[in-house]
Amino acid sequence: MLFLSTDASMASAWGGLGSMVIVYGLFFVAIWFFIFRPQSKERKRIAGMLANLEVGDCVLTTSGFYGIIIDITDDTVIVEFGNNKNCRIPMDKSAISKVEKANE
């Protein structure tokens, strides 16, 4: 009789552990779905936007300045700001937050 009651208590302990594993599994799936997945989609969108930069595109920098791209290298771009054609600033590509194509 003692042996049977031990099996019953072990079964209930494993049942509680199994439900706890399921709850934690669902929690981690929800975290991935609501936090990590949108971040990776946004990173892919930004990488695609920066890969399609062309000379003449109007860009918005992360500091809030609008300018026109006049030269592109691997890591940097040279952006011309305002009506003054002498205001050309080299900056990192990651400083660009939005691109408006020249032909649109």
PDB file of N, CA and C in Angstrom:
ATOM      1  N   MET A   1       0.816  -1.189   0.000  1.00  0.00           N
ATOM      2  CA  MET A   1       0.000   0.000   0.000  1.00  0.00           C
ATOM      3  C   MET A   1       0.867   1.263   0.000  1.00  0.00           C
ATOM      4  N   LEU A   2       1.926   1.224   0.744  1.00  0.00           N
ATOM      5  CA  LEU A   2       2.842   2.357   0.798  1.00  0.00           C
ATOM      6  C   LEU A   2       3.460   2.617  -0.566  1.00  0.00           C
ATOM      7  N   PHE A   3       3.745   1.558  -1.313  1.00  0.00           N
ATOM      8  CA  PHE A   3       4.337   1.667  -2.630  1.00  0.00           C
ATOM      9  C   PHE A   3       3.388   2.355  -3.610  1.00  0.00           C
ATOM     10  N   LEU A   4       2.091   2.064  -3.542  1.00  0.00           N
ATOM     11  CA  LEU A   4       1.102   2.673  -4.426  1.00  0.00           C
ATOM     12  C   LEU A   4       0.930   4.162  -4.136  1.00  0.00           C
ATOM     13  N   SER A   5       0.939   4.537  -2.886  1.00  0.00           N
ATOM     14  CA  SER A   5       0.766   5.958  -2.571  1.00  0.00           C
ATOM     15  C   SER A   5       1.982   6.768  -3.037  1.00  0.00           C
ATOM     16  N   THR A   6       3.166   6.167  -3.017  1.00  0.00           N
ATOM     17  CA  THR A   6       4.360   6.840  -3.496  1.00  0.00           C
ATOM     18  C   THR A   6       4.264   7.055  -5.000  1.00  0.00           C
ATOM     19  N   ASP A   7       3.759   6.053  -5.730  1.00  0.00           N
ATOM     20  CA  ASP A   7       3.596   6.215  -7.175  1.00  0.00           C
ATOM     21  C   ASP A   7       2.591   7.316  -7.505  1.00  0.00           C
ATOM     22  N   ALA A   8       1.541   7.410  -6.722  1.00  0.00           N
ATOM     23  CA  ALA A   8       0.537   8.444  -6.971  1.00  0.00           C
ATOM     24  C   ALA A   8       1.126   9.833  -6.723  1.00  0.00           C
ATOM     25  N   SER A   9       1.915   9.957  -5.656  1.00  0.00           N
ATOM     26  CA  SER A   9       2.506  11.273  -5.393  1.00  0.00           C
ATOM     27  C   SER A   9       3.547  11.620  -6.439  1.00  0.00           C
ATOM     28  N   MET A  10       4.285  10.622  -6.927  1.00  0.00           N
ATOM     29  CA  MET A  10       5.267  10.877  -7.990  1.00  0.00           C
ATOM     30  C   MET A  10       4.563  11.294  -9.279  1.00  0.00           C
ATOM     31  N   ALA A  11       3.441  10.665  -9.587  1.00  0.00           N
ATOM     32  CA  ALA A  11       2.700  11.004 -10.795  1.00  0.00           C
ATOM     33  C   ALA A  11       2.170  12.435 -10.719  1.00  0.00           C
ATOM     34  N   SER A  12       1.684  12.836  -9.551  1.00  0.00           N
ATOM     35  CA  SER A  12       1.185  14.206  -9.433  1.00  0.00           C
ATOM     36  C   SER A  12       2.334  15.213  -9.501  1.00  0.00           C
ATOM     37  N   ALA A  13       3.506  14.851  -8.981  1.00  0.00           N
ATOM     38  CA  ALA A  13       4.656  15.744  -9.062  1.00  0.00           C
ATOM     39  C   ALA A  13       5.104  15.911 -10.507  1.00  0.00           C
ATOM     40  N   TRP A  14       5.142  14.818 -11.258  1.00  0.00           N
ATOM     41  CA  TRP A  14       5.527  14.922 -12.670  1.00  0.00           C
ATOM     42  C   TRP A  14       4.477  15.664 -13.478  1.00  0.00           C
ATOM     43  N   GLY A  15       3.213  15.518 -13.120  1.00  0.00           N
ATOM     44  CA  GLY A  15       2.155  16.259 -13.808  1.00  0.00           C
ATOM     45  C   GLY A  15       2.290  17.751 -13.583  1.00  0.00           C
ATOM     46  N   GLY A  16       2.626  18.160 -12.363  1.00  0.00           N
ATOM     47  CA  GLY A  16       2.843  19.573 -12.061  1.00  0.00           C
ATOM     48  C   GLY A  16       4.062  20.118 -12.773  1.00  0.00           C
ATOM     49  N   LEU A  17       5.111  19.302 -12.847  1.00  0.00           N
ATOM     50  CA  LEU A  17       6.330  19.722 -13.548  1.00  0.00           C
ATOM     51  C   LEU A  17       6.073  19.849 -15.045  1.00  0.00           C
ATOM     52  N   GLY A  18       5.304  18.944 -15.583  1.00  0.00           N
ATOM     53  CA  GLY A  18       4.979  19.003 -17.016  1.00  0.00           C
ATOM     54  C   GLY A  18       4.176  20.245 -17.364  1.00  0.00           C
ATOM     55  N   SER A  19       3.205  20.582 -16.536  1.00  0.00           N
ATOM     56  CA  SER A  19       2.417  21.789 -16.817  1.00  0.00           C
ATOM     57  C   SER A  19       3.262  23.046 -16.651  1.00  0.00           C
ATOM     58  N   MET A  20       4.212  23.023 -15.713  1.00  0.00           N
ATOM     59  CA  MET A  20       5.090  24.173 -15.530  1.00  0.00           C
ATOM     60  C   MET A  20       6.004  24.353 -16.745  1.00  0.00           C
ATOM     61  N   VAL A  21       6.497  23.250 -17.307  1.00  0.00           N
ATOM     62  CA  VAL A  21       7.333  23.318 -18.508  1.00  0.00           C
ATOM     63  C   VAL A  21       6.526  23.873 -19.678  1.00  0.00           C
ATOM     64  N   ILE A  22       5.284  23.476 -19.784  1.00  0.00           N
ATOM     65  CA  ILE A  22       4.426  23.975 -20.863  1.00  0.00           C
ATOM     66  C   ILE A  22       4.193  25.478 -20.713  1.00  0.00           C
ATOM     67  N   VAL A  23       3.934  25.930 -19.490  1.00  0.00           N
ATOM     68  CA  VAL A  23       3.701  27.352 -19.250  1.00  0.00           C
ATOM     69  C   VAL A  23       4.950  28.159 -19.586  1.00  0.00           C
ATOM     70  N   TYR A  24       6.124  27.706 -19.139  1.00  0.00           N
ATOM     71  CA  TYR A  24       7.371  28.414 -19.464  1.00  0.00           C
ATOM     72  C   TYR A  24       7.649  28.381 -20.966  1.00  0.00           C
ATOM     73  N   GLY A  25       7.362  27.280 -21.607  1.00  0.00           N
ATOM     74  CA  GLY A  25       7.543  27.196 -23.054  1.00  0.00           C
ATOM     75  C   GLY A  25       6.658  28.197 -23.781  1.00  0.00           C
ATOM     76  N   LEU A  26       5.401  28.306 -23.377  1.00  0.00           N
ATOM     77  CA  LEU A  26       4.494  29.274 -23.988  1.00  0.00           C
ATOM     78  C   LEU A  26       4.953  30.708 -23.713  1.00  0.00           C
ATOM     79  N   PHE A  27       5.498  30.936 -22.521  1.00  0.00           N
ATOM     80  CA  PHE A  27       6.008  32.257 -22.176  1.00  0.00           C
ATOM     81  C   PHE A  27       7.161  32.644 -23.102  1.00  0.00           C
ATOM     82  N   PHE A  28       8.108  31.747 -23.318  1.00  0.00           N
ATOM     83  CA  PHE A  28       9.240  32.059 -24.189  1.00  0.00           C
ATOM     84  C   PHE A  28       8.821  32.205 -25.654  1.00  0.00           C
ATOM     85  N   VAL A  29       7.841  31.455 -26.096  1.00  0.00           N
ATOM     86  CA  VAL A  29       7.321  31.617 -27.461  1.00  0.00           C
ATOM     87  C   VAL A  29       6.671  32.992 -27.606  1.00  0.00           C
ATOM     88  N   ALA A  30       5.916  33.419 -26.590  1.00  0.00           N
ATOM     89  CA  ALA A  30       5.278  34.735 -26.643  1.00  0.00           C
ATOM     90  C   ALA A  30       6.325  35.840 -26.650  1.00  0.00           C
ATOM     91  N   ILE A  31       7.365  35.704 -25.845  1.00  0.00           N
ATOM     92  CA  ILE A  31       8.445  36.702 -25.828  1.00  0.00           C
ATOM     93  C   ILE A  31       9.091  36.791 -27.206  1.00  0.00           C
ATOM     94  N   TRP A  32       9.377  35.658 -27.813  1.00  0.00           N
ATOM     95  CA  TRP A  32       9.996  35.657 -29.144  1.00  0.00           C
ATOM     96  C   TRP A  32       9.077  36.317 -30.157  1.00  0.00           C
ATOM     97  N   PHE A  33       7.783  35.978 -30.098  1.00  0.00           N
ATOM     98  CA  PHE A  33       6.838  36.472 -31.094  1.00  0.00           C
ATOM     99  C   PHE A  33       6.613  37.973 -30.978  1.00  0.00           C
ATOM    100  N   PHE A  34       6.563  38.505 -29.762  1.00  0.00           N
ATOM    101  CA  PHE A  34       6.241  39.921 -29.574  1.00  0.00           C
ATOM    102  C   PHE A  34       7.453  40.831 -29.466  1.00  0.00           C
ATOM    103  N   ILE A  35       8.642  40.308 -29.165  1.00  0.00           N
ATOM    104  CA  ILE A  35       9.806  41.176 -28.988  1.00  0.00           C
ATOM    105  C   ILE A  35      10.872  40.912 -30.040  1.00  0.00           C
ATOM    106  N   PHE A  36      11.378  39.703 -30.122  1.00  0.00           N
ATOM    107  CA  PHE A  36      12.525  39.424 -30.984  1.00  0.00           C
ATOM    108  C   PHE A  36      12.168  39.402 -32.463  1.00  0.00           C
ATOM    109  N   ARG A  37      11.030  38.888 -32.826  1.00  0.00           N
ATOM    110  CA  ARG A  37      10.642  38.799 -34.235  1.00  0.00           C
ATOM    111  C   ARG A  37      10.455  40.175 -34.871  1.00  0.00           C
ATOM    112  N   PRO A  38       9.739  41.118 -34.238  1.00  0.00           N
ATOM    113  CA  PRO A  38       9.628  42.456 -34.849  1.00  0.00           C
ATOM    114  C   PRO A  38      10.969  43.177 -34.953  1.00  0.00           C
ATOM    115  N   GLN A  39      11.859  42.969 -33.990  1.00  0.00           N
ATOM    116  CA  GLN A  39      13.168  43.612 -34.068  1.00  0.00           C
ATOM    117  C   GLN A  39      13.962  43.093 -35.262  1.00  0.00           C
ATOM    118  N   SER A  40      13.908  41.791 -35.491  1.00  0.00           N
ATOM    119  CA  SER A  40      14.662  41.240 -36.624  1.00  0.00           C
ATOM    120  C   SER A  40      14.056  41.699 -37.953  1.00  0.00           C
ATOM    121  N   LYS A  41      12.736  41.821 -38.023  1.00  0.00           N
ATOM    122  CA  LYS A  41      12.104  42.327 -39.243  1.00  0.00           C
ATOM    123  C   LYS A  41      12.507  43.778 -39.503  1.00  0.00           C
ATOM    124  N   GLU A  42      12.585  44.593 -38.453  1.00  0.00           N
ATOM    125  CA  GLU A  42      12.980  45.990 -38.603  1.00  0.00           C
ATOM    126  C   GLU A  42      14.440  46.105 -39.043  1.00  0.00           C
ATOM    127  N   ARG A  43      15.307  45.251 -38.473  1.00  0.00           N
ATOM    128  CA  ARG A  43      16.715  45.256 -38.893  1.00  0.00           C
ATOM    129  C   ARG A  43      16.857  44.894 -40.361  1.00  0.00           C
ATOM    130  N   LYS A  44      16.076  43.926 -40.835  1.00  0.00           N
ATOM    131  CA  LYS A  44      16.126  43.535 -42.245  1.00  0.00           C
ATOM    132  C   LYS A  44      15.617  44.666 -43.142  1.00  0.00           C
ATOM    133  N   ARG A  45      14.581  45.369 -42.701  1.00  0.00           N
ATOM    134  CA  ARG A  45      14.033  46.484 -43.477  1.00  0.00           C
ATOM    135  C   ARG A  45      15.063  47.606 -43.600  1.00  0.00           C
ATOM    136  N   ILE A  46      15.732  47.925 -42.512  1.00  0.00           N
ATOM    137  CA  ILE A  46      16.738  48.992 -42.531  1.00  0.00           C
ATOM    138  C   ILE A  46      17.933  48.585 -43.377  1.00  0.00           C
ATOM    139  N   ALA A  47      18.366  47.324 -43.274  1.00  0.00           N
ATOM    140  CA  ALA A  47      19.494  46.860 -44.086  1.00  0.00           C
ATOM    141  C   ALA A  47      19.151  46.924 -45.567  1.00  0.00           C
ATOM    142  N   GLY A  48      17.933  46.565 -45.940  1.00  0.00           N
ATOM    143  CA  GLY A  48      17.500  46.659 -47.330  1.00  0.00           C
ATOM    144  C   GLY A  48      17.424  48.099 -47.811  1.00  0.00           C
ATOM    145  N   MET A  49      16.957  49.000 -46.931  1.00  0.00           N
ATOM    146  CA  MET A  49      16.878  50.409 -47.282  1.00  0.00           C
ATOM    147  C   MET A  49      18.276  50.990 -47.528  1.00  0.00           C
ATOM    148  N   LEU A  50      19.229  50.643 -46.670  1.00  0.00           N
ATOM    149  CA  LEU A  50      20.590  51.158 -46.825  1.00  0.00           C
ATOM    150  C   LEU A  50      21.312  50.533 -48.010  1.00  0.00           C
ATOM    151  N   ALA A  51      20.955  49.311 -48.353  1.00  0.00           N
ATOM    152  CA  ALA A  51      21.582  48.661 -49.502  1.00  0.00           C
ATOM    153  C   ALA A  51      21.110  49.276 -50.819  1.00  0.00           C
ATOM    154  N   ASN A  52      19.920  49.867 -50.831  1.00  0.00           N
ATOM    155  CA  ASN A  52      19.356  50.436 -52.059  1.00  0.00           C
ATOM    156  C   ASN A  52      19.574  51.941 -52.180  1.00  0.00           C
ATOM    157  N   LEU A  53      20.489  52.498 -51.399  1.00  0.00           N
ATOM    158  CA  LEU A  53      20.775  53.932 -51.504  1.00  0.00           C
ATOM    159  C   LEU A  53      21.385  54.255 -52.858  1.00  0.00           C
ATOM    160  N   GLU A  54      20.997  55.398 -53.411  1.00  0.00           N
ATOM    161  CA  GLU A  54      21.541  55.857 -54.682  1.00  0.00           C
ATOM    162  C   GLU A  54      21.872  57.336 -54.577  1.00  0.00           C
ATOM    163  N   VAL A  55      22.761  57.791 -55.411  1.00  0.00           N
ATOM    164  CA  VAL A  55      23.101  59.214 -55.466  1.00  0.00           C
ATOM    165  C   VAL A  55      21.858  59.976 -55.918  1.00  0.00           C
ATOM    166  N   GLY A  56      21.549  61.052 -55.210  1.00  0.00           N
ATOM    167  CA  GLY A  56      20.377  61.862 -55.536  1.00  0.00           C
ATOM    168  C   GLY A  56      19.182  61.588 -54.644  1.00  0.00           C
ATOM    169  N   ASP A  57      19.240  60.565 -53.821  1.00  0.00           N
ATOM    170  CA  ASP A  57      18.139  60.274 -52.910  1.00  0.00           C
ATOM    171  C   ASP A  57      18.091  61.310 -51.796  1.00  0.00           C
ATOM    172  N   CYS A  58      16.888  61.668 -51.388  1.00  0.00           N
ATOM    173  CA  CYS A  58      16.688  62.563 -50.260  1.00  0.00           C
ATOM    174  C   CYS A  58      16.603  61.700 -48.998  1.00  0.00           C
ATOM    175  N   VAL A  59      17.405  62.038 -47.993  1.00  0.00           N
ATOM    176  CA  VAL A  59      17.461  61.223 -46.781  1.00  0.00           C
ATOM    177  C   VAL A  59      17.149  62.084 -45.558  1.00  0.00           C
ATOM    178  N   LEU A  60      16.629  61.421 -44.542  1.00  0.00           N
ATOM    179  CA  LEU A  60      16.423  62.020 -43.236  1.00  0.00           C
ATOM    180  C   LEU A  60      17.404  61.351 -42.289  1.00  0.00           C
ATOM    181  N   THR A  61      18.222  62.143 -41.620  1.00  0.00           N
ATOM    182  CA  THR A  61      19.206  61.571 -40.703  1.00  0.00           C
ATOM    183  C   THR A  61      18.571  61.340 -39.340  1.00  0.00           C
ATOM    184  N   THR A  62      19.265  60.589 -38.496  1.00  0.00           N
ATOM    185  CA  THR A  62      18.745  60.321 -37.158  1.00  0.00           C
ATOM    186  C   THR A  62      18.709  61.577 -36.299  1.00  0.00           C
ATOM    187  N   SER A  63      19.475  62.601 -36.677  1.00  0.00           N
ATOM    188  CA  SER A  63      19.455  63.858 -35.928  1.00  0.00           C
ATOM    189  C   SER A  63      18.372  64.813 -36.435  1.00  0.00           C
ATOM    190  N   GLY A  64      17.650  64.438 -37.492  1.00  0.00           N
ATOM    191  CA  GLY A  64      16.523  65.221 -37.964  1.00  0.00           C
ATOM    192  C   GLY A  64      16.796  66.139 -39.132  1.00  0.00           C
ATOM    193  N   PHE A  65      17.944  66.009 -39.778  1.00  0.00           N
ATOM    194  CA  PHE A  65      18.283  66.857 -40.924  1.00  0.00           C
ATOM    195  C   PHE A  65      17.935  66.151 -42.229  1.00  0.00           C
ATOM    196  N   TYR A  66      17.379  66.918 -43.171  1.00  0.00           N
ATOM    197  CA  TYR A  66      17.118  66.410 -44.517  1.00  0.00           C
ATOM    198  C   TYR A  66      18.281  66.805 -45.412  1.00  0.00           C
ATOM    199  N   GLY A  67      18.671  65.897 -46.303  1.00  0.00           N
ATOM    200  CA  GLY A  67      19.746  66.194 -47.219  1.00  0.00           C
ATOM    201  C   GLY A  67      19.683  65.313 -48.448  1.00  0.00           C
ATOM    202  N   ILE A  68      20.551  65.588 -49.405  1.00  0.00           N
ATOM    203  CA  ILE A  68      20.634  64.850 -50.655  1.00  0.00           C
ATOM    204  C   ILE A  68      21.973  64.115 -50.688  1.00  0.00           C
ATOM    205  N   ILE A  69      21.925  62.827 -51.042  1.00  0.00           N
ATOM    206  CA  ILE A  69      23.157  62.040 -51.134  1.00  0.00           C
ATOM    207  C   ILE A  69      23.894  62.437 -52.405  1.00  0.00           C
ATOM    208  N   ILE A  70      25.185  62.756 -52.278  1.00  0.00           N
ATOM    209  CA  ILE A  70      25.973  63.104 -53.461  1.00  0.00           C
ATOM    210  C   ILE A  70      27.096  62.102 -53.723  1.00  0.00           C
ATOM    211  N   ASP A  71      27.430  61.252 -52.737  1.00  0.00           N
ATOM    212  CA  ASP A  71      28.458  60.226 -52.945  1.00  0.00           C
ATOM    213  C   ASP A  71      28.238  59.109 -51.938  1.00  0.00           C
ATOM    214  N   ILE A  72      28.507  57.878 -52.381  1.00  0.00           N
ATOM    215  CA  ILE A  72      28.328  56.704 -51.524  1.00  0.00           C
ATOM    216  C   ILE A  72      29.591  55.858 -51.573  1.00  0.00           C
ATOM    217  N   THR A  73      30.070  55.461 -50.392  1.00  0.00           N
ATOM    218  CA  THR A  73      31.157  54.486 -50.292  1.00  0.00           C
ATOM    219  C   THR A  73      30.631  53.286 -49.505  1.00  0.00           C
ATOM    220  N   ASP A  74      31.524  52.382 -49.109  1.00  0.00           N
ATOM    221  CA  ASP A  74      31.081  51.176 -48.413  1.00  0.00           C
ATOM    222  C   ASP A  74      30.353  51.473 -47.108  1.00  0.00           C
ATOM    223  N   ASP A  75      30.963  52.284 -46.247  1.00  0.00           N
ATOM    224  CA  ASP A  75      30.397  52.538 -44.926  1.00  0.00           C
ATOM    225  C   ASP A  75      29.810  53.931 -44.766  1.00  0.00           C
ATOM    226  N   THR A  76      30.192  54.843 -45.620  1.00  0.00           N
ATOM    227  CA  THR A  76      29.789  56.235 -45.432  1.00  0.00           C
ATOM    228  C   THR A  76      29.084  56.789 -46.664  1.00  0.00           C
ATOM    229  N   VAL A  77      28.398  57.881 -46.446  1.00  0.00           N
ATOM    230  CA  VAL A  77      27.781  58.645 -47.528  1.00  0.00           C
ATOM    231  C   VAL A  77      28.141  60.110 -47.322  1.00  0.00           C
ATOM    232  N   ILE A  78      28.170  60.870 -48.380  1.00  0.00           N
ATOM    233  CA  ILE A  78      28.352  62.315 -48.271  1.00  0.00           C
ATOM    234  C   ILE A  78      27.012  62.943 -48.601  1.00  0.00           C
ATOM    235  N   VAL A  79      26.510  63.713 -47.643  1.00  0.00           N
ATOM    236  CA  VAL A  79      25.176  64.294 -47.757  1.00  0.00           C
ATOM    237  C   VAL A  79      25.318  65.811 -47.861  1.00  0.00           C
ATOM    238  N   GLU A  80      24.551  66.383 -48.775  1.00  0.00           N
ATOM    239  CA  GLU A  80      24.534  67.828 -48.984  1.00  0.00           C
ATOM    240  C   GLU A  80      23.273  68.386 -48.324  1.00  0.00           C
ATOM    241  N   PHE A  81      23.453  69.352 -47.438  1.00  0.00           N
ATOM    242  CA  PHE A  81      22.338  69.912 -46.675  1.00  0.00           C
ATOM    243  C   PHE A  81      22.002  71.313 -47.144  1.00  0.00           C
ATOM    244  N   GLY A  82      20.725  71.627 -47.245  1.00  0.00           N
ATOM    245  CA  GLY A  82      20.260  72.978 -47.535  1.00  0.00           C
ATOM    246  C   GLY A  82      20.555  73.437 -48.950  1.00  0.00           C
ATOM    247  N   ASN A  83      20.351  74.735 -49.161  1.00  0.00           N
ATOM    248  CA  ASN A  83      20.574  75.334 -50.470  1.00  0.00           C
ATOM    249  C   ASN A  83      22.036  75.636 -50.723  1.00  0.00           C
ATOM    250  N   ASN A  84      22.827  75.677 -49.679  1.00  0.00           N
ATOM    251  CA  ASN A  84      24.246  75.970 -49.802  1.00  0.00           C
ATOM    252  C   ASN A  84      24.961  74.731 -50.320  1.00  0.00           C
ATOM    253  N   LYS A  85      25.504  74.813 -51.515  1.00  0.00           N
ATOM    254  CA  LYS A  85      26.145  73.653 -52.127  1.00  0.00           C
ATOM    255  C   LYS A  85      27.479  73.305 -51.471  1.00  0.00           C
ATOM    256  N   ASN A  86      27.963  74.176 -50.567  1.00  0.00           N
ATOM    257  CA  ASN A  86      29.222  73.914 -49.885  1.00  0.00           C
ATOM    258  C   ASN A  86      29.036  73.157 -48.571  1.00  0.00           C
ATOM    259  N   CYS A  87      27.823  72.908 -48.176  1.00  0.00           N
ATOM    260  CA  CYS A  87      27.555  72.212 -46.915  1.00  0.00           C
ATOM    261  C   CYS A  87      27.424  70.713 -47.189  1.00  0.00           C
ATOM    262  N   ARG A  88      28.536  70.047 -47.297  1.00  0.00           N
ATOM    263  CA  ARG A  88      28.582  68.600 -47.571  1.00  0.00           C
ATOM    264  C   ARG A  88      29.244  67.916 -46.387  1.00  0.00           C
ATOM    265  N   ILE A  89      28.532  66.966 -45.815  1.00  0.00           N
ATOM    266  CA  ILE A  89      29.017  66.316 -44.600  1.00  0.00           C
ATOM    267  C   ILE A  89      29.089  64.811 -44.828  1.00  0.00           C
ATOM    268  N   PRO A  90      30.261  64.205 -44.607  1.00  0.00           N
ATOM    269  CA  PRO A  90      30.333  62.744 -44.653  1.00  0.00           C
ATOM    270  C   PRO A  90      29.752  62.166 -43.362  1.00  0.00           C
ATOM    271  N   MET A  91      28.974  61.130 -43.501  1.00  0.00           N
ATOM    272  CA  MET A  91      28.391  60.486 -42.318  1.00  0.00           C
ATOM    273  C   MET A  91      28.253  58.989 -42.548  1.00  0.00           C
ATOM    274  N   ASP A  92      28.114  58.291 -41.462  1.00  0.00           N
ATOM    275  CA  ASP A  92      27.960  56.842 -41.497  1.00  0.00           C
ATOM    276  C   ASP A  92      26.583  56.486 -42.067  1.00  0.00           C
ATOM    277  N   LYS A  93      26.498  55.382 -42.784  1.00  0.00           N
ATOM    278  CA  LYS A  93      25.214  54.967 -43.355  1.00  0.00           C
ATOM    279  C   LYS A  93      24.177  54.687 -42.273  1.00  0.00           C
ATOM    280  N   SER A  94      24.631  54.245 -41.104  1.00  0.00           N
ATOM    281  CA  SER A  94      23.686  53.926 -40.036  1.00  0.00           C
ATOM    282  C   SER A  94      23.014  55.175 -39.467  1.00  0.00           C
ATOM    283  N   ALA A  95      23.492  56.371 -39.825  1.00  0.00           N
ATOM    284  CA  ALA A  95      22.875  57.615 -39.361  1.00  0.00           C
ATOM    285  C   ALA A  95      21.673  58.002 -40.209  1.00  0.00           C
ATOM    286  N   ILE A  96      21.328  57.219 -41.201  1.00  0.00           N
ATOM    287  CA  ILE A  96      20.182  57.508 -42.067  1.00  0.00           C
ATOM    288  C   ILE A  96      18.970  56.739 -41.541  1.00  0.00           C
ATOM    289  N   SER A  97      17.884  57.463 -41.302  1.00  0.00           N
ATOM    290  CA  SER A  97      16.701  56.818 -40.757  1.00  0.00           C
ATOM    291  C   SER A  97      15.578  56.642 -41.785  1.00  0.00           C
ATOM    292  N   LYS A  98      15.574  57.469 -42.841  1.00  0.00           N
ATOM    293  CA  LYS A  98      14.512  57.376 -43.844  1.00  0.00           C
ATOM    294  C   LYS A  98      15.058  57.817 -45.183  1.00  0.00           C
ATOM    295  N   VAL A  99      14.592  57.171 -46.258  1.00  0.00           N
ATOM    296  CA  VAL A  99      15.049  57.486 -47.612  1.00  0.00           C
ATOM    297  C   VAL A  99      13.840  57.754 -48.491  1.00  0.00           C
ATOM    298  N   GLU A 100      13.910  58.828 -49.252  1.00  0.00           N
ATOM    299  CA  GLU A 100      12.922  59.118 -50.281  1.00  0.00           C
ATOM    300  C   GLU A 100      13.638  59.086 -51.613  1.00  0.00           C
ATOM    301  N   LYS A 101      13.225  58.210 -52.491  1.00  0.00           N
ATOM    302  CA  LYS A 101      13.890  58.045 -53.785  1.00  0.00           C
ATOM    303  C   LYS A 101      13.727  59.300 -54.641  1.00  0.00           C
ATOM    304  N   ALA A 102      14.731  59.572 -55.452  1.00  0.00           N
ATOM    305  CA  ALA A 102      14.742  60.782 -56.278  1.00  0.00           C
ATOM    306  C   ALA A 102      13.676  60.739 -57.356  1.00  0.00           C
ATOM    307  N   ASN A 103      13.349  59.565 -57.867  1.00  0.00           N
ATOM    308  CA  ASN A 103      12.397  59.474 -58.975  1.00  0.00           C
ATOM    309  C   ASN A 103      10.935  59.422 -58.508  1.00  0.00           C
ATOM    310  N   GLU A 104      10.688  59.443 -57.230  1.00  0.00           N
ATOM    311  CA  GLU A 104       9.314  59.378 -56.744  1.00  0.00           C
ATOM    312  C   GLU A 104       8.743  60.741 -56.481  1.00  0.00           C
TER     313      GLU A 104
END
